[in-house]
Structure formats: C-alpha cells, structure tokens
All heavy atoms as atom14 arrays in JSON, in Angstrom:
{
  "sequence": "PLLAGAGHERGLRPGTENTPHIIAIGAAARLSREGLQRHAVHLIRLR",
  "atom14_mask": [
    [1, 1, 1, 1, 1, 1, 1, 0, 0, 0, 0, 0, 0, 0],
    [1, 1, 1, 1, 1, 1, 1, 1, 0, 0, 0, 0, 0, 0],
    [1, 1, 1, 1, 1, 1, 1, 1, 0, 0, 0, 0, 0, 0],
    [1, 1, 1, 1, 1, 0, 0, 0, 0, 0, 0, 0, 0, 0],
    [1, 1, 1, 1, 0, 0, 0, 0, 0, 0, 0, 0, 0, 0],
    [1, 1, 1, 1, 1, 0, 0, 0, 0, 0, 0, 0, 0, 0],
    [1, 1, 1, 1, 0, 0, 0, 0, 0, 0, 0, 0, 0, 0],
    [1, 1, 1, 1, 1, 1, 1, 1, 1, 1, 0, 0, 0, 0],
    [1, 1, 1, 1, 1, 1, 1, 1, 1, 0, 0, 0, 0, 0],
    [1, 1, 1, 1, 1, 1, 1, 1, 1, 1, 1, 0, 0, 0],
    [1, 1, 1, 1, 0, 0, 0, 0, 0, 0, 0, 0, 0, 0],
    [1, 1, 1, 1, 1, 1, 1, 1, 0, 0, 0, 0, 0, 0],
    [1, 1, 1, 1, 1, 1, 1, 1, 1, 1, 1, 0, 0, 0],
    [1, 1, 1, 1, 1, 1, 1, 0, 0, 0, 0, 0, 0, 0],
    [1, 1, 1, 1, 0, 0, 0, 0, 0, 0, 0, 0, 0, 0],
    [1, 1, 1, 1, 1, 1, 1, 0, 0, 0, 0, 0, 0, 0],
    [1, 1, 1, 1, 1, 1, 1, 1, 1, 0, 0, 0, 0, 0],
    [1, 1, 1, 1, 1, 1, 1, 1, 0, 0, 0, 0, 0, 0],
    [1, 1, 1, 1, 1, 1, 1, 0, 0, 0, 0, 0, 0, 0],
    [1, 1, 1, 1, 1, 1, 1, 0, 0, 0, 0, 0, 0, 0],
    [1, 1, 1, 1, 1, 1, 1, 1, 1, 1, 0, 0, 0, 0],
    [1, 1, 1, 1, 1, 1, 1, 1, 0, 0, 0, 0, 0, 0],
    [1, 1, 1, 1, 1, 1, 1, 1, 0, 0, 0, 0, 0, 0],
    [1, 1, 1, 1, 1, 0, 0, 0, 0, 0, 0, 0, 0, 0],
    [1, 1, 1, 1, 1, 1, 1, 1, 0, 0, 0, 0, 0, 0],
    [1, 1, 1, 1, 0, 0, 0, 0, 0, 0, 0, 0, 0, 0],
    [1, 1, 1, 1, 1, 0, 0, 0, 0, 0, 0, 0, 0, 0],
    [1, 1, 1, 1, 1, 0, 0, 0, 0, 0, 0, 0, 0, 0],
    [1, 1, 1, 1, 1, 0, 0, 0, 0, 0, 0, 0, 0, 0],
    [1, 1, 1, 1, 1, 1, 1, 1, 1, 1, 1, 0, 0, 0],
    [1, 1, 1, 1, 1, 1, 1, 1, 0, 0, 0, 0, 0, 0],
    [1, 1, 1, 1, 1, 1, 0, 0, 0, 0, 0, 0, 0, 0],
    [1, 1, 1, 1, 1, 1, 1, 1, 1, 1, 1, 0, 0, 0],
    [1, 1, 1, 1, 1, 1, 1, 1, 1, 0, 0, 0, 0, 0],
    [1, 1, 1, 1, 0, 0, 0, 0, 0, 0, 0, 0, 0, 0],
    [1, 1, 1, 1, 1, 1, 1, 1, 0, 0, 0, 0, 0, 0],
    [1, 1, 1, 1, 1, 1, 1, 1, 1, 0, 0, 0, 0, 0],
    [1, 1, 1, 1, 1, 1, 1, 1, 1, 1, 1, 0, 0, 0],
    [1, 1, 1, 1, 1, 1, 1, 1, 1, 1, 0, 0, 0, 0],
    [1, 1, 1, 1, 1, 0, 0, 0, 0, 0, 0, 0, 0, 0],
    [1, 1, 1, 1, 1, 1, 1, 0, 0, 0, 0, 0, 0, 0],
    [1, 1, 1, 1, 1, 1, 1, 1, 1, 1, 0, 0, 0, 0],
    [1, 1, 1, 1, 1, 1, 1, 1, 0, 0, 0, 0, 0, 0],
    [1, 1, 1, 1, 1, 1, 1, 1, 0, 0, 0, 0, 0, 0],
    [1, 1, 1, 1, 1, 1, 1, 1, 1, 1, 1, 0, 0, 0],
    [1, 1, 1, 1, 1, 1, 1, 1, 0, 0, 0, 0, 0, 0],
    [1, 1, 1, 1, 1, 1, 1, 1, 1, 1, 1, 0, 0, 0]
  ],
  "atom14_positions": [
    [[50.44, 123.61, 99.0], [50.16, 122.61, 97.97], [49.26, 123.18, 96.89], [48.51, 124.13, 97.1], [49.45, 121.51, 98.74], [48.82, 122.21, 99.89], [49.77, 123.31, 100.26], [0.0, 0.0, 0.0], [0.0, 0.0, 0.0], [0.0, 0.0, 0.0], [0.0, 0.0, 0.0], [0.0, 0.0, 0.0], [0.0, 0.0, 0.0], [0.0, 0.0, 0.0]],
    [[49.35, 122.58, 95.69], [48.47, 122.96, 94.59], [47.24, 122.07, 94.55], [46.21, 122.47, 93.97], [49.22, 122.87, 93.26], [50.48, 123.71, 93.12], [51.04, 123.57, 91.71], [50.2, 125.17, 93.42], [0.0, 0.0, 0.0], [0.0, 0.0, 0.0], [0.0, 0.0, 0.0], [0.0, 0.0, 0.0], [0.0, 0.0, 0.0], [0.0, 0.0, 0.0]],
    [[47.34, 120.88, 95.1], [46.25, 119.92, 95.07], [45.76, 119.64, 96.49], [46.52, 119.68, 97.44], [46.71, 118.6, 94.44], [47.26, 118.68, 93.01], [47.78, 117.3, 92.58], [46.19, 119.18, 92.05], [0.0, 0.0, 0.0], [0.0, 0.0, 0.0], [0.0, 0.0, 0.0], [0.0, 0.0, 0.0], [0.0, 0.0, 0.0], [0.0, 0.0, 0.0]],
    [[44.47, 119.37, 96.6], [43.88, 119.01, 97.88], [43.75, 117.5, 97.96], [43.37, 116.85, 96.98], [42.51, 119.67, 98.03], [0.0, 0.0, 0.0], [0.0, 0.0, 0.0], [0.0, 0.0, 0.0], [0.0, 0.0, 0.0], [0.0, 0.0, 0.0], [0.0, 0.0, 0.0], [0.0, 0.0, 0.0], [0.0, 0.0, 0.0], [0.0, 0.0, 0.0]],
    [[44.08, 116.95, 99.12], [43.97, 115.51, 99.27], [44.54, 115.09, 100.6], [44.48, 115.83, 101.59], [0.0, 0.0, 0.0], [0.0, 0.0, 0.0], [0.0, 0.0, 0.0], [0.0, 0.0, 0.0], [0.0, 0.0, 0.0], [0.0, 0.0, 0.0], [0.0, 0.0, 0.0], [0.0, 0.0, 0.0], [0.0, 0.0, 0.0], [0.0, 0.0, 0.0]],
    [[45.1, 113.88, 100.63], [45.65, 113.34, 101.86], [47.04, 113.93, 102.14], [47.49, 114.83, 101.46], [45.68, 111.82, 101.79], [0.0, 0.0, 0.0], [0.0, 0.0, 0.0], [0.0, 0.0, 0.0], [0.0, 0.0, 0.0], [0.0, 0.0, 0.0], [0.0, 0.0, 0.0], [0.0, 0.0, 0.0], [0.0, 0.0, 0.0], [0.0, 0.0, 0.0]],
    [[47.72, 113.37, 103.14], [48.96, 113.99, 103.61], [50.24, 113.45, 103.02], [51.29, 113.59, 103.64], [0.0, 0.0, 0.0], [0.0, 0.0, 0.0], [0.0, 0.0, 0.0], [0.0, 0.0, 0.0], [0.0, 0.0, 0.0], [0.0, 0.0, 0.0], [0.0, 0.0, 0.0], [0.0, 0.0, 0.0], [0.0, 0.0, 0.0], [0.0, 0.0, 0.0]],
    [[50.17, 112.88, 101.83], [51.4, 112.37, 101.19], [52.41, 113.48, 100.96], [52.05, 114.64, 100.75], [51.08, 111.68, 99.86], [49.98, 110.68, 99.93], [48.66, 111.03, 99.75], [49.99, 109.35, 100.13], [47.89, 109.96, 99.85], [48.69, 108.92, 100.09], [0.0, 0.0, 0.0], [0.0, 0.0, 0.0], [0.0, 0.0, 0.0], [0.0, 0.0, 0.0]],
    [[53.69, 113.11, 100.96], [54.79, 114.06, 100.66], [54.65, 115.34, 101.47], [54.6, 116.45, 100.94], [54.84, 114.35, 99.16], [55.1, 113.15, 98.27], [56.43, 112.46, 98.61], [57.47, 113.1, 98.48], [56.38, 111.27, 99.0], [0.0, 0.0, 0.0], [0.0, 0.0, 0.0], [0.0, 0.0, 0.0], [0.0, 0.0, 0.0], [0.0, 0.0, 0.0]],
    [[54.59, 115.16, 102.79], [54.48, 116.28, 103.74], [53.24, 117.14, 103.47], [53.2, 118.32, 103.79], [55.74, 117.16, 103.66], [56.97, 116.5, 104.21], [58.25, 117.23, 103.88], [58.13, 118.69, 103.91], [59.03, 119.5, 103.35], [60.08, 119.0, 102.74], [58.85, 120.8, 103.41], [0.0, 0.0, 0.0], [0.0, 0.0, 0.0], [0.0, 0.0, 0.0]],
    [[52.23, 116.53, 102.85], [50.99, 117.24, 102.57], [51.09, 118.16, 101.37], [50.11, 118.84, 101.03], [0.0, 0.0, 0.0], [0.0, 0.0, 0.0], [0.0, 0.0, 0.0], [0.0, 0.0, 0.0], [0.0, 0.0, 0.0], [0.0, 0.0, 0.0], [0.0, 0.0, 0.0], [0.0, 0.0, 0.0], [0.0, 0.0, 0.0], [0.0, 0.0, 0.0]],
    [[52.21, 118.14, 100.66], [52.42, 119.06, 99.54], [52.14, 118.41, 98.19], [51.99, 119.12, 97.19], [53.86, 119.6, 99.55], [54.17, 120.57, 100.69], [55.66, 120.88, 100.74], [53.36, 121.86, 100.5], [0.0, 0.0, 0.0], [0.0, 0.0, 0.0], [0.0, 0.0, 0.0], [0.0, 0.0, 0.0], [0.0, 0.0, 0.0], [0.0, 0.0, 0.0]],
    [[52.05, 117.07, 98.15], [51.76, 116.42, 96.89], [50.89, 115.19, 97.18], [51.37, 114.05, 97.24], [53.07, 116.02, 96.2], [53.0, 115.86, 94.69], [52.42, 114.54, 94.27], [52.44, 114.38, 92.82], [52.08, 113.27, 92.2], [51.69, 112.2, 92.88], [52.1, 113.19, 90.89], [0.0, 0.0, 0.0], [0.0, 0.0, 0.0], [0.0, 0.0, 0.0]],
    [[49.59, 115.42, 97.39], [48.71, 114.3, 97.74], [48.55, 113.31, 96.6], [48.64, 113.67, 95.43], [47.39, 114.99, 98.07], [47.41, 116.26, 97.29], [48.84, 116.69, 97.29], [0.0, 0.0, 0.0], [0.0, 0.0, 0.0], [0.0, 0.0, 0.0], [0.0, 0.0, 0.0], [0.0, 0.0, 0.0], [0.0, 0.0, 0.0], [0.0, 0.0, 0.0]],
    [[48.3, 112.08, 96.95], [48.11, 111.01, 95.98], [49.02, 109.83, 96.31], [50.16, 110.03, 96.74], [0.0, 0.0, 0.0], [0.0, 0.0, 0.0], [0.0, 0.0, 0.0], [0.0, 0.0, 0.0], [0.0, 0.0, 0.0], [0.0, 0.0, 0.0], [0.0, 0.0, 0.0], [0.0, 0.0, 0.0], [0.0, 0.0, 0.0], [0.0, 0.0, 0.0]],
    [[48.51, 108.62, 96.13], [49.31, 107.43, 96.42], [50.6, 107.46, 95.61], [50.59, 107.7, 94.4], [48.51, 106.16, 96.09], [47.3, 106.16, 96.85], [49.31, 104.92, 96.39], [0.0, 0.0, 0.0], [0.0, 0.0, 0.0], [0.0, 0.0, 0.0], [0.0, 0.0, 0.0], [0.0, 0.0, 0.0], [0.0, 0.0, 0.0], [0.0, 0.0, 0.0]],
    [[51.69, 107.21, 96.27], [53.01, 107.3, 95.63], [53.17, 106.28, 94.51], [52.72, 105.14, 94.62], [54.12, 107.08, 96.66], [54.16, 108.15, 97.76], [53.34, 107.79, 98.97], [52.43, 106.89, 98.84], [53.58, 108.38, 100.04], [0.0, 0.0, 0.0], [0.0, 0.0, 0.0], [0.0, 0.0, 0.0], [0.0, 0.0, 0.0], [0.0, 0.0, 0.0]],
    [[53.82, 106.71, 93.43], [54.13, 105.84, 92.3], [55.42, 105.09, 92.65], [56.52, 105.45, 92.23], [54.31, 106.71, 91.04], [54.55, 105.86, 89.8], [54.72, 104.64, 89.87], [54.56, 106.51, 88.65], [0.0, 0.0, 0.0], [0.0, 0.0, 0.0], [0.0, 0.0, 0.0], [0.0, 0.0, 0.0], [0.0, 0.0, 0.0], [0.0, 0.0, 0.0]],
    [[55.25, 104.04, 93.45], [56.41, 103.37, 94.05], [57.45, 102.91, 93.04], [58.64, 103.2, 93.22], [55.95, 102.21, 94.93], [55.0, 102.68, 95.88], [57.13, 101.58, 95.66], [0.0, 0.0, 0.0], [0.0, 0.0, 0.0], [0.0, 0.0, 0.0], [0.0, 0.0, 0.0], [0.0, 0.0, 0.0], [0.0, 0.0, 0.0], [0.0, 0.0, 0.0]],
    [[57.1, 102.17, 91.97], [58.15, 101.7, 91.06], [58.96, 102.83, 90.44], [60.19, 102.72, 90.29], [57.34, 100.95, 89.98], [56.06, 100.56, 90.64], [55.76, 101.7, 91.56], [0.0, 0.0, 0.0], [0.0, 0.0, 0.0], [0.0, 0.0, 0.0], [0.0, 0.0, 0.0], [0.0, 0.0, 0.0], [0.0, 0.0, 0.0], [0.0, 0.0, 0.0]],
    [[58.31, 103.93, 90.08], [59.04, 105.05, 89.47], [59.88, 105.79, 90.49], [60.95, 106.31, 90.16], [58.07, 105.98, 88.76], [57.6, 105.49, 87.43], [56.87, 104.33, 87.3], [57.77, 105.98, 86.17], [56.6, 104.14, 86.02], [57.13, 105.11, 85.33], [0.0, 0.0, 0.0], [0.0, 0.0, 0.0], [0.0, 0.0, 0.0], [0.0, 0.0, 0.0]],
    [[59.4, 105.88, 91.72], [60.22, 106.49, 92.77], [61.46, 105.65, 93.03], [62.57, 106.19, 93.2], [59.37, 106.68, 94.04], [58.32, 107.79, 93.8], [60.25, 107.01, 95.24], [57.32, 107.93, 94.93], [0.0, 0.0, 0.0], [0.0, 0.0, 0.0], [0.0, 0.0, 0.0], [0.0, 0.0, 0.0], [0.0, 0.0, 0.0], [0.0, 0.0, 0.0]],
    [[61.29, 104.34, 93.08], [62.45, 103.46, 93.21], [63.43, 103.72, 92.06], [64.65, 103.76, 92.25], [62.01, 101.98, 93.2], [61.1, 101.68, 94.39], [63.23, 101.06, 93.17], [61.72, 101.88, 95.75], [0.0, 0.0, 0.0], [0.0, 0.0, 0.0], [0.0, 0.0, 0.0], [0.0, 0.0, 0.0], [0.0, 0.0, 0.0], [0.0, 0.0, 0.0]],
    [[62.89, 103.91, 90.86], [63.72, 104.13, 89.68], [64.53, 105.41, 89.77], [65.72, 105.44, 89.46], [62.84, 104.15, 88.44], [0.0, 0.0, 0.0], [0.0, 0.0, 0.0], [0.0, 0.0, 0.0], [0.0, 0.0, 0.0], [0.0, 0.0, 0.0], [0.0, 0.0, 0.0], [0.0, 0.0, 0.0], [0.0, 0.0, 0.0], [0.0, 0.0, 0.0]],
    [[63.88, 106.52, 90.18], [64.63, 107.79, 90.25], [65.69, 107.71, 91.34], [66.77, 108.31, 91.21], [63.68, 108.99, 90.42], [64.43, 110.29, 90.12], [63.05, 109.03, 91.78], [63.55, 111.54, 90.12], [0.0, 0.0, 0.0], [0.0, 0.0, 0.0], [0.0, 0.0, 0.0], [0.0, 0.0, 0.0], [0.0, 0.0, 0.0], [0.0, 0.0, 0.0]],
    [[65.41, 106.96, 92.39], [66.43, 106.76, 93.41], [67.62, 106.0, 92.88], [68.78, 106.41, 93.11], [0.0, 0.0, 0.0], [0.0, 0.0, 0.0], [0.0, 0.0, 0.0], [0.0, 0.0, 0.0], [0.0, 0.0, 0.0], [0.0, 0.0, 0.0], [0.0, 0.0, 0.0], [0.0, 0.0, 0.0], [0.0, 0.0, 0.0], [0.0, 0.0, 0.0]],
    [[67.37, 104.92, 92.15], [68.47, 104.13, 91.57], [69.26, 104.96, 90.56], [70.49, 104.9, 90.51], [67.92, 102.87, 90.92], [0.0, 0.0, 0.0], [0.0, 0.0, 0.0], [0.0, 0.0, 0.0], [0.0, 0.0, 0.0], [0.0, 0.0, 0.0], [0.0, 0.0, 0.0], [0.0, 0.0, 0.0], [0.0, 0.0, 0.0], [0.0, 0.0, 0.0]],
    [[68.55, 105.73, 89.75], [69.22, 106.57, 88.74], [70.07, 107.65, 89.41], [71.15, 107.98, 88.95], [68.17, 107.21, 87.84], [0.0, 0.0, 0.0], [0.0, 0.0, 0.0], [0.0, 0.0, 0.0], [0.0, 0.0, 0.0], [0.0, 0.0, 0.0], [0.0, 0.0, 0.0], [0.0, 0.0, 0.0], [0.0, 0.0, 0.0], [0.0, 0.0, 0.0]],
    [[69.56, 108.2, 90.52], [70.34, 109.21, 91.24], [71.62, 108.62, 91.8], [72.69, 109.25, 91.74], [69.49, 109.79, 92.37], [0.0, 0.0, 0.0], [0.0, 0.0, 0.0], [0.0, 0.0, 0.0], [0.0, 0.0, 0.0], [0.0, 0.0, 0.0], [0.0, 0.0, 0.0], [0.0, 0.0, 0.0], [0.0, 0.0, 0.0], [0.0, 0.0, 0.0]],
    [[71.53, 107.4, 92.32], [72.72, 106.75, 92.85], [73.74, 106.49, 91.74], [74.95, 106.77, 91.9], [72.35, 105.43, 93.53], [73.54, 104.73, 94.18], [73.16, 103.4, 94.79], [72.81, 102.4, 93.77], [71.59, 101.98, 93.52], [70.56, 102.47, 94.18], [71.36, 101.07, 92.59], [0.0, 0.0, 0.0], [0.0, 0.0, 0.0], [0.0, 0.0, 0.0]],
    [[73.29, 105.99, 90.6], [74.19, 105.73, 89.49], [74.83, 107.02, 88.98], [76.03, 107.05, 88.66], [73.43, 105.05, 88.34], [72.99, 103.61, 88.57], [72.07, 103.16, 87.45], [74.21, 102.68, 88.67], [0.0, 0.0, 0.0], [0.0, 0.0, 0.0], [0.0, 0.0, 0.0], [0.0, 0.0, 0.0], [0.0, 0.0, 0.0], [0.0, 0.0, 0.0]],
    [[74.04, 108.08, 88.9], [74.58, 109.36, 88.44], [75.63, 109.9, 89.38], [76.68, 110.41, 88.94], [73.44, 110.37, 88.27], [72.54, 109.98, 87.26], [0.0, 0.0, 0.0], [0.0, 0.0, 0.0], [0.0, 0.0, 0.0], [0.0, 0.0, 0.0], [0.0, 0.0, 0.0], [0.0, 0.0, 0.0], [0.0, 0.0, 0.0], [0.0, 0.0, 0.0]],
    [[75.37, 109.81, 90.66], [76.33, 110.32, 91.65], [77.63, 109.53, 91.61], [78.72, 110.1, 91.62], [75.71, 110.25, 93.05], [76.63, 110.75, 94.16], [75.9, 110.77, 95.5], [75.35, 109.48, 95.86], [76.04, 108.48, 96.43], [77.33, 108.65, 96.71], [75.44, 107.34, 96.74], [0.0, 0.0, 0.0], [0.0, 0.0, 0.0], [0.0, 0.0, 0.0]],
    [[77.52, 108.23, 91.49], [78.72, 107.38, 91.5], [79.56, 107.54, 90.23], [80.78, 107.4, 90.28], [78.32, 105.9, 91.66], [77.72, 105.6, 93.03], [77.14, 104.2, 93.13], [77.03, 103.52, 92.08], [76.8, 103.76, 94.26], [0.0, 0.0, 0.0], [0.0, 0.0, 0.0], [0.0, 0.0, 0.0], [0.0, 0.0, 0.0], [0.0, 0.0, 0.0]],
    [[78.91, 107.85, 89.1], [79.64, 107.94, 87.84], [79.81, 109.34, 87.32], [80.21, 109.52, 86.14], [0.0, 0.0, 0.0], [0.0, 0.0, 0.0], [0.0, 0.0, 0.0], [0.0, 0.0, 0.0], [0.0, 0.0, 0.0], [0.0, 0.0, 0.0], [0.0, 0.0, 0.0], [0.0, 0.0, 0.0], [0.0, 0.0, 0.0], [0.0, 0.0, 0.0]],
    [[79.54, 110.36, 88.13], [79.46, 111.74, 87.64], [80.73, 112.18, 86.93], [80.69, 112.65, 85.79], [79.12, 112.68, 88.8], [78.72, 114.1, 88.4], [77.41, 114.1, 87.62], [78.58, 114.97, 89.65], [0.0, 0.0, 0.0], [0.0, 0.0, 0.0], [0.0, 0.0, 0.0], [0.0, 0.0, 0.0], [0.0, 0.0, 0.0], [0.0, 0.0, 0.0]],
    [[81.86, 112.06, 87.58], [83.12, 112.54, 86.98], [83.51, 111.73, 85.76], [83.91, 112.27, 84.74], [84.24, 112.5, 88.04], [83.99, 113.39, 89.25], [83.78, 114.86, 88.85], [84.46, 115.39, 87.96], [82.83, 115.51, 89.49], [0.0, 0.0, 0.0], [0.0, 0.0, 0.0], [0.0, 0.0, 0.0], [0.0, 0.0, 0.0], [0.0, 0.0, 0.0]],
    [[83.37, 110.42, 85.85], [83.73, 109.55, 84.72], [82.85, 109.83, 83.53], [83.32, 109.93, 82.39], [83.58, 108.09, 85.17], [83.93, 107.08, 84.08], [83.82, 105.66, 84.61], [82.44, 105.21, 84.79], [81.82, 105.12, 85.95], [82.43, 105.47, 87.07], [80.58, 104.67, 86.01], [0.0, 0.0, 0.0], [0.0, 0.0, 0.0], [0.0, 0.0, 0.0]],
    [[81.58, 110.01, 83.76], [80.65, 110.26, 82.66], [80.9, 111.63, 82.02], [80.79, 111.79, 80.8], [79.2, 110.18, 83.16], [78.8, 108.81, 83.59], [77.76, 108.57, 84.45], [79.3, 107.59, 83.26], [77.64, 107.28, 84.65], [78.56, 106.66, 83.96], [0.0, 0.0, 0.0], [0.0, 0.0, 0.0], [0.0, 0.0, 0.0], [0.0, 0.0, 0.0]],
    [[81.25, 112.63, 82.86], [81.49, 113.97, 82.31], [82.66, 113.95, 81.33], [82.61, 114.61, 80.28], [81.75, 114.95, 83.45], [0.0, 0.0, 0.0], [0.0, 0.0, 0.0], [0.0, 0.0, 0.0], [0.0, 0.0, 0.0], [0.0, 0.0, 0.0], [0.0, 0.0, 0.0], [0.0, 0.0, 0.0], [0.0, 0.0, 0.0], [0.0, 0.0, 0.0]],
    [[83.72, 113.22, 81.66], [84.86, 113.11, 80.75], [84.44, 112.51, 79.42], [84.83, 112.98, 78.34], [85.98, 112.28, 81.4], [87.09, 111.97, 80.4], [86.56, 113.0, 82.62], [0.0, 0.0, 0.0], [0.0, 0.0, 0.0], [0.0, 0.0, 0.0], [0.0, 0.0, 0.0], [0.0, 0.0, 0.0], [0.0, 0.0, 0.0], [0.0, 0.0, 0.0]],
    [[83.65, 111.46, 79.48], [83.15, 110.79, 78.26], [82.3, 111.74, 77.44], [82.46, 111.83, 76.21], [82.34, 109.56, 78.68], [81.58, 108.9, 77.59], [82.18, 108.08, 76.65], [80.25, 108.93, 77.26], [81.25, 107.63, 75.81], [80.07, 108.14, 76.16], [0.0, 0.0, 0.0], [0.0, 0.0, 0.0], [0.0, 0.0, 0.0], [0.0, 0.0, 0.0]],
    [[81.4, 112.46, 78.09], [80.49, 113.35, 77.38], [81.23, 114.49, 76.69], [80.96, 114.81, 75.53], [79.44, 113.91, 78.35], [78.48, 112.89, 78.97], [77.61, 113.56, 80.03], [77.62, 112.21, 77.92], [0.0, 0.0, 0.0], [0.0, 0.0, 0.0], [0.0, 0.0, 0.0], [0.0, 0.0, 0.0], [0.0, 0.0, 0.0], [0.0, 0.0, 0.0]],
    [[82.15, 115.11, 77.41], [82.9, 116.23, 76.83], [83.72, 115.75, 75.64], [83.78, 116.44, 74.6], [83.81, 116.87, 77.9], [82.96, 117.57, 78.96], [84.8, 117.85, 77.26], [83.75, 118.06, 80.16], [0.0, 0.0, 0.0], [0.0, 0.0, 0.0], [0.0, 0.0, 0.0], [0.0, 0.0, 0.0], [0.0, 0.0, 0.0], [0.0, 0.0, 0.0]],
    [[84.36, 114.61, 75.78], [85.2, 114.1, 74.68], [84.36, 113.88, 73.42], [84.77, 114.28, 72.31], [85.87, 112.79, 75.12], [86.79, 112.19, 74.06], [87.5, 110.97, 74.62], [86.6, 109.91, 74.97], [86.12, 109.02, 74.1], [86.46, 109.07, 72.81], [85.3, 108.06, 74.49], [0.0, 0.0, 0.0], [0.0, 0.0, 0.0], [0.0, 0.0, 0.0]],
    [[83.2, 113.27, 73.55], [82.37, 112.99, 72.38], [81.69, 114.26, 71.86], [81.57, 114.43, 70.64], [81.33, 111.93, 72.7], [81.87, 110.51, 72.95], [80.73, 109.52, 73.08], [82.82, 110.07, 71.85], [0.0, 0.0, 0.0], [0.0, 0.0, 0.0], [0.0, 0.0, 0.0], [0.0, 0.0, 0.0], [0.0, 0.0, 0.0], [0.0, 0.0, 0.0]],
    [[81.26, 115.14, 72.76], [80.68, 116.42, 72.32], [81.67, 117.2, 71.46], [81.33, 117.72, 70.4], [80.25, 117.24, 73.53], [79.61, 118.56, 73.21], [79.67, 119.51, 74.4], [81.03, 119.91, 74.7], [81.37, 120.6, 75.78], [80.47, 120.94, 76.68], [82.64, 120.94, 75.99], [0.0, 0.0, 0.0], [0.0, 0.0, 0.0], [0.0, 0.0, 0.0]]
  ]
}
C-alpha cells in the first residue's frame, strides 16, 4: 500500500469507502458490458 490506515480494500487502499461512487462505477460497468458491441458500431460510424 501507499497509504497507512485501516484494512479497507485488502489493506491496500485504507479509508472509508465512497459508497455512492462505487455503486456508480459498478452500474456503469454493467451498462458498458451489456452494450459494448452495439455502442462500438455507433461510435465507429460517427467517428
């Protein structure tokens, strides 16, 4: 770890978790995975 503190995140990233933002990155990851191929077609076409 780079920081000293409690045992959050397997002791590698101490500090109380930013729960709302962690929920957000999880939801965004799910949306990205589900729409990956469809979104890529859209992006390439417009690019």
